[in-house]
Amino acid sequence: MGLRLKIALATVLRREGLEPAVAVARSTLHDENETFVTLVVAVLDLASDTLTYSNAGHPSPFLVRADGEVLPLVPTGPLVSPVLDDATWTIETVRFGPGDRLVAFSDGVLEARDDRGEEFGTDGVLATVGRAGDTVEIVHRLRSAVRDHEVRPRDDVTILAAGRQGRGQRPVA
């Protein structure tokens, strides 16, 4: 199912853009009544210095501004499921200029537990991301912090970071 979803999203993004992306994800799950997914679909426009996204129930990625400000990209609708026929998702656009970074991660990052059963959580992510520099450092520091916090791995830990180096330069991931 994951590969089918990836192909459907890539195709619709190439042909039609961001707006129909989440609806296409839902239609891809039409035969999977007990299945749901969370997802973030984002498009970076270098010409307009913007990041346009839709967040379907996924843990909020963080936008780390060049000046160090950290902003969550909150869900713009519920998770994706064929059961939620009436669900809708909005599209948000934020400024994404030179020096800004986007950090997205799976719920396994938030739910990593220490020996007392305490989750790494949003506070752990914010503390780690706020101290990191470029995208490579963000991924390494966040992965290390989760690994140091977690006693016994229970879920996947997936981290993606993308950033702008400077005006006219391509994004880095």
N, C-alpha and C. Protein backbone atom coordinates (compact mmCIF):
# COMPACT_ATOMS: atom_id res chain seq x y z
N MET A 1 0.81 -1.18 0.00
CA MET A 1 0.00 0.00 0.00
C MET A 1 0.87 1.26 0.00
N GLY A 2 1.98 1.24 0.73
CA GLY A 2 2.85 2.41 0.78
C GLY A 2 3.37 2.83 -0.58
N LEU A 3 3.79 1.87 -1.38
CA LEU A 3 4.30 2.17 -2.72
C LEU A 3 3.18 2.72 -3.59
N ARG A 4 2.00 2.14 -3.49
CA ARG A 4 0.85 2.60 -4.27
C ARG A 4 0.53 4.06 -3.92
N LEU A 5 0.56 4.37 -2.65
CA LEU A 5 0.29 5.73 -2.19
C LEU A 5 1.36 6.70 -2.68
N LYS A 6 2.61 6.30 -2.60
CA LYS A 6 3.72 7.14 -3.06
C LYS A 6 3.59 7.46 -4.55
N ILE A 7 3.28 6.46 -5.36
CA ILE A 7 3.13 6.66 -6.80
C ILE A 7 1.95 7.58 -7.09
N ALA A 8 0.83 7.36 -6.40
CA ALA A 8 -0.36 8.20 -6.62
C ALA A 8 -0.06 9.66 -6.28
N LEU A 9 0.61 9.89 -5.15
CA LEU A 9 0.94 11.27 -4.75
C LEU A 9 1.92 11.92 -5.72
N ALA A 10 2.95 11.20 -6.12
CA ALA A 10 3.92 11.75 -7.06
C ALA A 10 3.26 12.12 -8.39
N THR A 11 2.37 11.27 -8.85
CA THR A 11 1.68 11.53 -10.11
C THR A 11 0.79 12.76 -10.03
N VAL A 12 -0.01 12.86 -8.98
CA VAL A 12 -0.91 14.00 -8.87
C VAL A 12 -0.13 15.30 -8.65
N LEU A 13 0.94 15.26 -7.90
CA LEU A 13 1.73 16.48 -7.69
C LEU A 13 2.33 16.98 -9.00
N ARG A 14 2.82 16.06 -9.83
CA ARG A 14 3.38 16.43 -11.12
C ARG A 14 2.32 17.00 -12.06
N ARG A 15 1.15 16.41 -12.08
CA ARG A 15 0.12 16.77 -13.05
C ARG A 15 -0.80 17.89 -12.59
N GLU A 16 -1.17 17.89 -11.31
CA GLU A 16 -2.24 18.78 -10.87
C GLU A 16 -1.86 19.69 -9.71
N GLY A 17 -0.74 19.44 -9.07
CA GLY A 17 -0.35 20.28 -7.95
C GLY A 17 -0.82 19.74 -6.62
N LEU A 18 -0.71 20.57 -5.60
CA LEU A 18 -0.94 20.15 -4.23
C LEU A 18 -2.42 19.96 -3.86
N GLU A 19 -3.30 20.78 -4.41
CA GLU A 19 -4.68 20.77 -3.93
C GLU A 19 -5.35 19.40 -3.92
N PRO A 20 -5.28 18.58 -4.96
CA PRO A 20 -5.96 17.28 -4.92
C PRO A 20 -5.17 16.17 -4.24
N ALA A 21 -4.00 16.45 -3.73
CA ALA A 21 -3.10 15.40 -3.24
C ALA A 21 -3.70 14.56 -2.12
N VAL A 22 -4.27 15.18 -1.10
CA VAL A 22 -4.79 14.41 0.04
C VAL A 22 -6.02 13.61 -0.38
N ALA A 23 -6.86 14.18 -1.23
CA ALA A 23 -8.03 13.45 -1.72
C ALA A 23 -7.60 12.22 -2.53
N VAL A 24 -6.52 12.35 -3.29
CA VAL A 24 -6.00 11.21 -4.04
C VAL A 24 -5.49 10.15 -3.08
N ALA A 25 -4.85 10.58 -1.99
CA ALA A 25 -4.40 9.62 -0.98
C ALA A 25 -5.59 8.85 -0.42
N ARG A 26 -6.67 9.55 -0.12
CA ARG A 26 -7.86 8.88 0.41
C ARG A 26 -8.44 7.90 -0.61
N SER A 27 -8.51 8.28 -1.87
CA SER A 27 -9.06 7.38 -2.88
C SER A 27 -8.16 6.16 -3.09
N THR A 28 -6.87 6.31 -2.85
CA THR A 28 -5.95 5.18 -2.96
C THR A 28 -6.26 4.13 -1.89
N LEU A 29 -6.82 4.55 -0.78
CA LEU A 29 -7.15 3.65 0.32
C LEU A 29 -8.57 3.09 0.24
N HIS A 30 -9.28 3.33 -0.86
CA HIS A 30 -10.71 2.99 -0.92
C HIS A 30 -11.02 1.53 -0.63
N ASP A 31 -10.12 0.62 -0.91
CA ASP A 31 -10.36 -0.81 -0.63
C ASP A 31 -9.84 -1.23 0.74
N GLU A 32 -9.32 -0.32 1.48
CA GLU A 32 -8.67 -0.61 2.77
C GLU A 32 -9.50 -0.02 3.91
N ASN A 33 -10.66 -0.57 4.19
CA ASN A 33 -11.59 0.04 5.15
C ASN A 33 -11.01 0.28 6.53
N GLU A 34 -10.14 -0.56 7.01
CA GLU A 34 -9.59 -0.42 8.36
C GLU A 34 -8.26 0.31 8.37
N THR A 35 -7.88 0.91 7.26
CA THR A 35 -6.57 1.51 7.13
C THR A 35 -6.67 3.04 7.19
N PHE A 36 -5.65 3.65 7.76
CA PHE A 36 -5.54 5.10 7.75
C PHE A 36 -4.08 5.46 7.58
N VAL A 37 -3.83 6.67 7.14
CA VAL A 37 -2.47 7.19 7.05
C VAL A 37 -2.49 8.64 7.51
N THR A 38 -1.35 9.07 7.99
CA THR A 38 -1.13 10.49 8.21
C THR A 38 -0.10 10.89 7.17
N LEU A 39 -0.15 12.12 6.74
CA LEU A 39 0.85 12.55 5.76
C LEU A 39 0.97 14.05 5.74
N VAL A 40 2.13 14.49 5.32
CA VAL A 40 2.38 15.89 5.05
C VAL A 40 2.85 15.94 3.61
N VAL A 41 2.20 16.78 2.83
CA VAL A 41 2.62 17.00 1.44
C VAL A 41 3.00 18.48 1.36
N ALA A 42 4.21 18.76 0.90
CA ALA A 42 4.69 20.14 0.86
C ALA A 42 5.38 20.41 -0.48
N VAL A 43 5.20 21.64 -0.95
CA VAL A 43 5.83 22.08 -2.19
C VAL A 43 6.59 23.36 -1.89
N LEU A 44 7.87 23.36 -2.19
CA LEU A 44 8.72 24.52 -1.99
C LEU A 44 8.84 25.28 -3.30
N ASP A 45 8.51 26.57 -3.28
CA ASP A 45 8.61 27.42 -4.46
C ASP A 45 9.75 28.41 -4.24
N LEU A 46 10.86 28.16 -4.90
CA LEU A 46 12.05 29.00 -4.72
C LEU A 46 11.85 30.41 -5.28
N ALA A 47 11.04 30.53 -6.33
CA ALA A 47 10.83 31.84 -6.94
C ALA A 47 10.07 32.78 -6.02
N SER A 48 9.13 32.23 -5.25
CA SER A 48 8.32 33.09 -4.38
C SER A 48 8.70 32.96 -2.90
N ASP A 49 9.74 32.19 -2.60
CA ASP A 49 10.16 31.99 -1.20
C ASP A 49 9.01 31.49 -0.33
N THR A 50 8.26 30.51 -0.84
CA THR A 50 7.14 29.99 -0.07
C THR A 50 7.19 28.46 0.02
N LEU A 51 6.56 27.97 1.08
CA LEU A 51 6.34 26.55 1.28
C LEU A 51 4.83 26.39 1.42
N THR A 52 4.24 25.62 0.53
CA THR A 52 2.82 25.37 0.56
C THR A 52 2.63 23.93 0.98
N TYR A 53 1.72 23.69 1.95
CA TYR A 53 1.61 22.35 2.50
C TYR A 53 0.19 22.01 2.92
N SER A 54 -0.03 20.72 3.05
CA SER A 54 -1.24 20.19 3.66
C SER A 54 -0.77 19.11 4.63
N ASN A 55 -1.31 19.14 5.84
CA ASN A 55 -0.91 18.19 6.87
C ASN A 55 -2.15 17.41 7.31
N ALA A 56 -2.21 16.15 6.91
CA ALA A 56 -3.37 15.30 7.21
C ALA A 56 -3.09 14.47 8.46
N GLY A 57 -3.24 15.08 9.62
CA GLY A 57 -3.13 14.38 10.89
C GLY A 57 -1.75 13.89 11.28
N HIS A 58 -0.72 14.35 10.60
CA HIS A 58 0.65 13.92 10.89
C HIS A 58 1.22 14.77 12.02
N PRO A 59 2.22 14.23 12.77
CA PRO A 59 2.89 15.09 13.76
C PRO A 59 3.39 16.36 13.06
N SER A 60 3.16 17.48 13.70
CA SER A 60 3.49 18.77 13.08
C SER A 60 4.97 18.88 12.78
N PRO A 61 5.32 19.06 11.50
CA PRO A 61 6.72 19.37 11.19
C PRO A 61 7.04 20.76 11.74
N PHE A 62 8.31 21.07 11.84
CA PHE A 62 8.71 22.38 12.32
C PHE A 62 9.42 23.16 11.23
N LEU A 63 9.08 24.43 11.14
CA LEU A 63 9.77 25.36 10.28
C LEU A 63 10.75 26.10 11.18
N VAL A 64 12.04 25.93 10.91
CA VAL A 64 13.08 26.59 11.69
C VAL A 64 13.58 27.76 10.86
N ARG A 65 13.26 28.95 11.31
CA ARG A 65 13.65 30.16 10.58
C ARG A 65 15.15 30.41 10.70
N ALA A 66 15.66 31.16 9.77
CA ALA A 66 17.08 31.51 9.76
C ALA A 66 17.48 32.21 11.05
N ASP A 67 16.54 32.95 11.67
CA ASP A 67 16.84 33.68 12.91
C ASP A 67 16.67 32.81 14.16
N GLY A 68 16.34 31.51 13.98
CA GLY A 68 16.20 30.59 15.11
C GLY A 68 14.78 30.38 15.59
N GLU A 69 13.83 31.19 15.13
CA GLU A 69 12.42 30.99 15.51
C GLU A 69 11.96 29.63 14.98
N VAL A 70 11.21 28.90 15.80
CA VAL A 70 10.70 27.58 15.41
C VAL A 70 9.18 27.61 15.44
N LEU A 71 8.57 27.26 14.30
CA LEU A 71 7.11 27.29 14.17
C LEU A 71 6.59 25.92 13.76
N PRO A 72 5.51 25.44 14.40
CA PRO A 72 4.92 24.17 13.98
C PRO A 72 4.04 24.38 12.74
N LEU A 73 4.05 23.41 11.84
CA LEU A 73 3.12 23.41 10.71
C LEU A 73 1.98 22.47 11.10
N VAL A 74 0.98 23.03 11.73
CA VAL A 74 -0.09 22.24 12.36
C VAL A 74 -0.94 21.52 11.31
N PRO A 75 -1.59 20.43 11.74
CA PRO A 75 -2.47 19.72 10.81
C PRO A 75 -3.52 20.64 10.20
N THR A 76 -3.79 20.42 8.93
CA THR A 76 -4.79 21.22 8.21
C THR A 76 -6.04 20.39 7.95
N GLY A 77 -6.11 19.23 8.57
CA GLY A 77 -7.26 18.34 8.45
C GLY A 77 -6.95 17.05 9.18
N PRO A 78 -7.93 16.15 9.23
CA PRO A 78 -7.74 14.89 9.95
C PRO A 78 -6.86 13.92 9.18
N LEU A 79 -6.56 12.78 9.80
CA LEU A 79 -5.81 11.74 9.11
C LEU A 79 -6.62 11.27 7.89
N VAL A 80 -5.97 10.55 7.00
CA VAL A 80 -6.60 10.08 5.76
C VAL A 80 -7.13 8.68 5.97
N SER A 81 -8.43 8.51 5.71
CA SER A 81 -9.06 7.21 5.87
C SER A 81 -10.28 7.14 4.95
N PRO A 82 -10.53 5.97 4.37
CA PRO A 82 -11.73 5.85 3.54
C PRO A 82 -13.01 5.96 4.38
N VAL A 83 -12.91 5.82 5.68
CA VAL A 83 -14.07 5.92 6.57
C VAL A 83 -14.51 7.37 6.74
N LEU A 84 -13.60 8.31 6.62
CA LEU A 84 -13.90 9.73 6.83
C LEU A 84 -14.32 10.38 5.50
N ASP A 85 -15.51 10.04 5.04
CA ASP A 85 -15.98 10.52 3.74
C ASP A 85 -16.11 12.03 3.66
N ASP A 86 -16.46 12.68 4.76
CA ASP A 86 -16.71 14.12 4.76
C ASP A 86 -15.47 14.95 5.04
N ALA A 87 -14.35 14.30 5.28
CA ALA A 87 -13.14 15.02 5.69
C ALA A 87 -12.65 15.94 4.57
N THR A 88 -12.15 17.09 4.99
CA THR A 88 -11.53 18.02 4.05
C THR A 88 -10.21 18.49 4.65
N TRP A 89 -9.34 18.95 3.79
CA TRP A 89 -8.04 19.43 4.21
C TRP A 89 -7.81 20.77 3.56
N THR A 90 -7.25 21.69 4.31
CA THR A 90 -6.92 22.99 3.74
C THR A 90 -5.45 22.99 3.35
N ILE A 91 -5.11 24.00 2.61
CA ILE A 91 -3.72 24.19 2.18
C ILE A 91 -3.24 25.50 2.80
N GLU A 92 -2.06 25.45 3.38
CA GLU A 92 -1.48 26.65 4.00
C GLU A 92 -0.19 27.00 3.25
N THR A 93 0.13 28.26 3.25
CA THR A 93 1.37 28.74 2.64
C THR A 93 2.10 29.60 3.66
N VAL A 94 3.39 29.33 3.81
CA VAL A 94 4.23 30.12 4.72
C VAL A 94 5.46 30.58 3.96
N ARG A 95 6.05 31.64 4.45
CA ARG A 95 7.31 32.12 3.86
C ARG A 95 8.40 31.09 4.14
N PHE A 96 9.25 30.83 3.16
CA PHE A 96 10.37 29.89 3.32
C PHE A 96 11.56 30.51 2.60
N GLY A 97 12.30 31.33 3.32
CA GLY A 97 13.38 32.08 2.70
C GLY A 97 14.75 31.48 2.93
N PRO A 98 15.76 32.14 2.44
CA PRO A 98 17.14 31.68 2.63
C PRO A 98 17.45 31.47 4.11
N GLY A 99 18.06 30.33 4.42
CA GLY A 99 18.42 29.99 5.79
C GLY A 99 17.35 29.25 6.56
N ASP A 100 16.12 29.21 6.03
CA ASP A 100 15.04 28.48 6.70
C ASP A 100 15.20 26.99 6.48
N ARG A 101 14.70 26.20 7.45
CA ARG A 101 14.75 24.74 7.36
C ARG A 101 13.40 24.15 7.74
N LEU A 102 13.04 23.07 7.08
CA LEU A 102 11.84 22.31 7.40
C LEU A 102 12.28 20.98 8.00
N VAL A 103 11.68 20.60 9.14
CA VAL A 103 12.02 19.34 9.80
C VAL A 103 10.72 18.56 10.00
N ALA A 104 10.63 17.41 9.33
CA ALA A 104 9.47 16.53 9.46
C ALA A 104 9.95 15.20 10.03
N PHE A 105 9.06 14.50 10.73
CA PHE A 105 9.46 13.26 11.39
C PHE A 105 8.24 12.39 11.64
N SER A 106 8.50 11.11 11.84
CA SER A 106 7.43 10.16 12.13
C SER A 106 7.06 10.23 13.61
N ASP A 107 5.90 9.64 13.93
CA ASP A 107 5.47 9.63 15.33
C ASP A 107 6.40 8.84 16.23
N GLY A 108 7.22 7.97 15.65
CA GLY A 108 8.20 7.23 16.44
C GLY A 108 9.21 8.13 17.12
N VAL A 109 9.45 9.32 16.57
CA VAL A 109 10.34 10.29 17.21
C VAL A 109 9.68 10.80 18.49
N LEU A 110 8.42 11.20 18.39
CA LEU A 110 7.71 11.74 19.55
C LEU A 110 7.46 10.69 20.63
N GLU A 111 7.20 9.46 20.21
CA GLU A 111 6.77 8.41 21.14
C GLU A 111 7.91 7.57 21.71
N ALA A 112 9.15 7.91 21.38
CA ALA A 112 10.30 7.20 21.95
C ALA A 112 10.28 7.38 23.47
N ARG A 113 10.35 6.28 24.22
CA ARG A 113 10.22 6.32 25.69
C ARG A 113 11.54 5.99 26.39
N ASP A 114 11.75 6.69 27.49
CA ASP A 114 12.92 6.40 28.31
C ASP A 114 12.58 5.32 29.34
N ASP A 115 13.48 5.04 30.27
CA ASP A 115 13.26 3.95 31.24
C ASP A 115 12.16 4.26 32.25
N ARG A 116 11.72 5.52 32.33
CA ARG A 116 10.59 5.88 33.20
C ARG A 116 9.27 5.90 32.44
N GLY A 117 9.33 5.59 31.12
CA GLY A 117 8.13 5.59 30.30
C GLY A 117 7.76 6.95 29.74
N GLU A 118 8.63 7.94 29.93
CA GLU A 118 8.35 9.28 29.42
C GLU A 118 8.74 9.38 27.96
N GLU A 119 7.83 9.98 27.17
CA GLU A 119 8.07 10.14 25.75
C GLU A 119 9.07 11.27 25.48
N PHE A 120 9.78 11.15 24.37
CA PHE A 120 10.68 12.20 23.92
C PHE A 120 9.88 13.46 23.65
N GLY A 121 8.78 13.32 22.95
CA GLY A 121 7.78 14.36 22.78
C GLY A 121 8.23 15.58 21.99
N THR A 122 7.28 16.48 21.87
CA THR A 122 7.52 17.73 21.14
C THR A 122 8.60 18.56 21.81
N ASP A 123 8.63 18.56 23.14
CA ASP A 123 9.66 19.33 23.85
C ASP A 123 11.06 18.84 23.51
N GLY A 124 11.22 17.51 23.41
CA GLY A 124 12.51 16.95 23.04
C GLY A 124 12.93 17.35 21.64
N VAL A 125 11.96 17.33 20.72
CA VAL A 125 12.25 17.74 19.34
C VAL A 125 12.64 19.21 19.30
N LEU A 126 11.84 20.06 19.96
CA LEU A 126 12.13 21.50 19.96
C LEU A 126 13.49 21.82 20.56
N ALA A 127 13.83 21.17 21.67
CA ALA A 127 15.12 21.42 22.32
C ALA A 127 16.27 21.02 21.40
N THR A 128 16.10 19.95 20.67
CA THR A 128 17.16 19.45 19.79
C THR A 128 17.27 20.30 18.53
N VAL A 129 16.14 20.56 17.89
CA VAL A 129 16.13 21.31 16.63
C VAL A 129 16.59 22.74 16.85
N GLY A 130 16.23 23.32 17.98
CA GLY A 130 16.60 24.70 18.28
C GLY A 130 18.10 24.90 18.41
N ARG A 131 18.85 23.83 18.73
CA ARG A 131 20.31 23.93 18.89
C ARG A 131 21.07 23.55 17.63
N ALA A 132 20.39 22.99 16.65
CA ALA A 132 21.08 22.46 15.47
C ALA A 132 21.26 23.54 14.41
N GLY A 133 22.17 23.26 13.50
CA GLY A 133 22.48 24.20 12.43
C GLY A 133 21.84 23.82 11.11
N ASP A 134 22.64 23.28 10.20
CA ASP A 134 22.12 22.94 8.88
C ASP A 134 21.30 21.65 8.92
N THR A 135 20.75 21.29 7.78
CA THR A 135 19.84 20.14 7.72
C THR A 135 20.50 18.83 8.11
N VAL A 136 21.73 18.64 7.70
CA VAL A 136 22.45 17.40 8.06
C VAL A 136 22.63 17.32 9.57
N GLU A 137 23.03 18.43 10.17
CA GLU A 137 23.22 18.46 11.63
C GLU A 137 21.89 18.23 12.35
N ILE A 138 20.81 18.80 11.82
CA ILE A 138 19.49 18.60 12.44
C ILE A 138 19.14 17.12 12.48
N VAL A 139 19.29 16.43 11.36
CA VAL A 139 18.95 15.01 11.31
C VAL A 139 19.84 14.21 12.26
N HIS A 140 21.14 14.46 12.23
CA HIS A 140 22.06 13.71 13.11
C HIS A 140 21.76 13.97 14.59
N ARG A 141 21.58 15.22 14.96
CA ARG A 141 21.32 15.54 16.37
C ARG A 141 19.99 14.97 16.85
N LEU A 142 18.96 15.09 16.01
CA LEU A 142 17.65 14.59 16.42
C LEU A 142 17.67 13.07 16.54
N ARG A 143 18.29 12.40 15.58
CA ARG A 143 18.37 10.94 15.65
C ARG A 143 19.17 10.50 16.88
N SER A 144 20.27 11.16 17.15
CA SER A 144 21.09 10.83 18.32
C SER A 144 20.33 11.08 19.62
N ALA A 145 19.60 12.20 19.68
CA ALA A 145 18.84 12.52 20.90
C ALA A 145 17.75 11.47 21.15
N VAL A 146 17.07 11.03 20.09
CA VAL A 146 16.04 9.99 20.24
C VAL A 146 16.69 8.69 20.67
N ARG A 147 17.79 8.33 20.04
CA ARG A 147 18.50 7.09 20.38
C ARG A 147 18.96 7.11 21.84
N ASP A 148 19.46 8.24 22.31
CA ASP A 148 19.92 8.36 23.70
C ASP A 148 18.75 8.31 24.68
N HIS A 149 17.61 8.81 24.28
CA HIS A 149 16.42 8.85 25.14
C HIS A 149 15.73 7.49 25.22
N GLU A 150 15.68 6.80 24.10
CA GLU A 150 14.88 5.58 23.98
C GLU A 150 15.56 4.36 24.58
N VAL A 151 14.85 3.66 25.45
CA VAL A 151 15.38 2.45 26.07
C VAL A 151 15.26 1.27 25.11
N ARG A 152 14.08 1.11 24.54
CA ARG A 152 13.81 -0.03 23.66
C ARG A 152 13.02 0.48 22.45
N PRO A 153 13.60 0.42 21.26
CA PRO A 153 12.88 0.90 20.06
C PRO A 153 11.54 0.18 19.90
N ARG A 154 10.48 1.00 19.69
CA ARG A 154 9.14 0.43 19.52
C ARG A 154 8.52 0.80 18.18
N ASP A 155 9.06 1.78 17.51
CA ASP A 155 8.46 2.27 16.28
C ASP A 155 9.58 2.80 15.39
N ASP A 156 9.22 3.04 14.13
CA ASP A 156 10.23 3.60 13.22
C ASP A 156 10.56 5.03 13.65
N VAL A 157 11.77 5.43 13.35
CA VAL A 157 12.21 6.80 13.59
C VAL A 157 12.69 7.33 12.25
N THR A 158 11.82 8.13 11.64
CA THR A 158 12.12 8.69 10.32
C THR A 158 12.18 10.20 10.45
N ILE A 159 13.24 10.78 9.90
CA ILE A 159 13.45 12.23 10.00
C ILE A 159 13.83 12.76 8.62
N LEU A 160 13.20 13.85 8.23
CA LEU A 160 13.51 14.50 6.97
C LEU A 160 13.74 15.98 7.26
N ALA A 161 14.80 16.53 6.72
CA ALA A 161 15.05 17.96 6.86
C ALA A 161 15.42 18.52 5.50
N ALA A 162 14.88 19.68 5.19
CA ALA A 162 15.19 20.38 3.93
C ALA A 162 15.38 21.85 4.26
N GLY A 163 16.29 22.49 3.56
CA GLY A 163 16.55 23.89 3.87
C GLY A 163 16.99 24.69 2.67
N ARG A 164 16.94 26.01 2.83
CA ARG A 164 17.41 26.95 1.82
C ARG A 164 18.76 27.48 2.26
N GLN A 165 19.74 27.43 1.34
CA GLN A 165 21.06 27.94 1.66
C GLN A 165 21.18 29.44 1.43
N GLY A 166 20.63 29.91 0.36
CA GLY A 166 20.72 31.31 0.05
C GLY A 166 19.92 31.62 -1.19
N ARG A 167 19.71 32.88 -1.45
CA ARG A 167 18.90 33.28 -2.59
C ARG A 167 19.47 32.71 -3.88
N GLY A 168 18.59 32.04 -4.64
CA GLY A 168 18.99 31.49 -5.93
C GLY A 168 19.61 30.11 -5.85
N GLN A 169 19.94 29.65 -4.66
CA GLN A 169 20.53 28.33 -4.52
C GLN A 169 19.43 27.29 -4.32
N ARG A 170 19.69 26.09 -4.75
CA ARG A 170 18.71 25.01 -4.64
C ARG A 170 18.57 24.57 -3.19
N PRO A 171 17.40 24.00 -2.84
CA PRO A 171 17.23 23.50 -1.47
C PRO A 171 18.16 22.34 -1.20
N VAL A 172 18.45 22.11 0.06
CA VAL A 172 19.27 20.98 0.46
C VAL A 172 18.43 20.07 1.33
N ALA A 173 18.68 18.77 1.23
CA ALA A 173 17.92 17.82 2.04
C ALA A 173 18.87 16.83 2.67
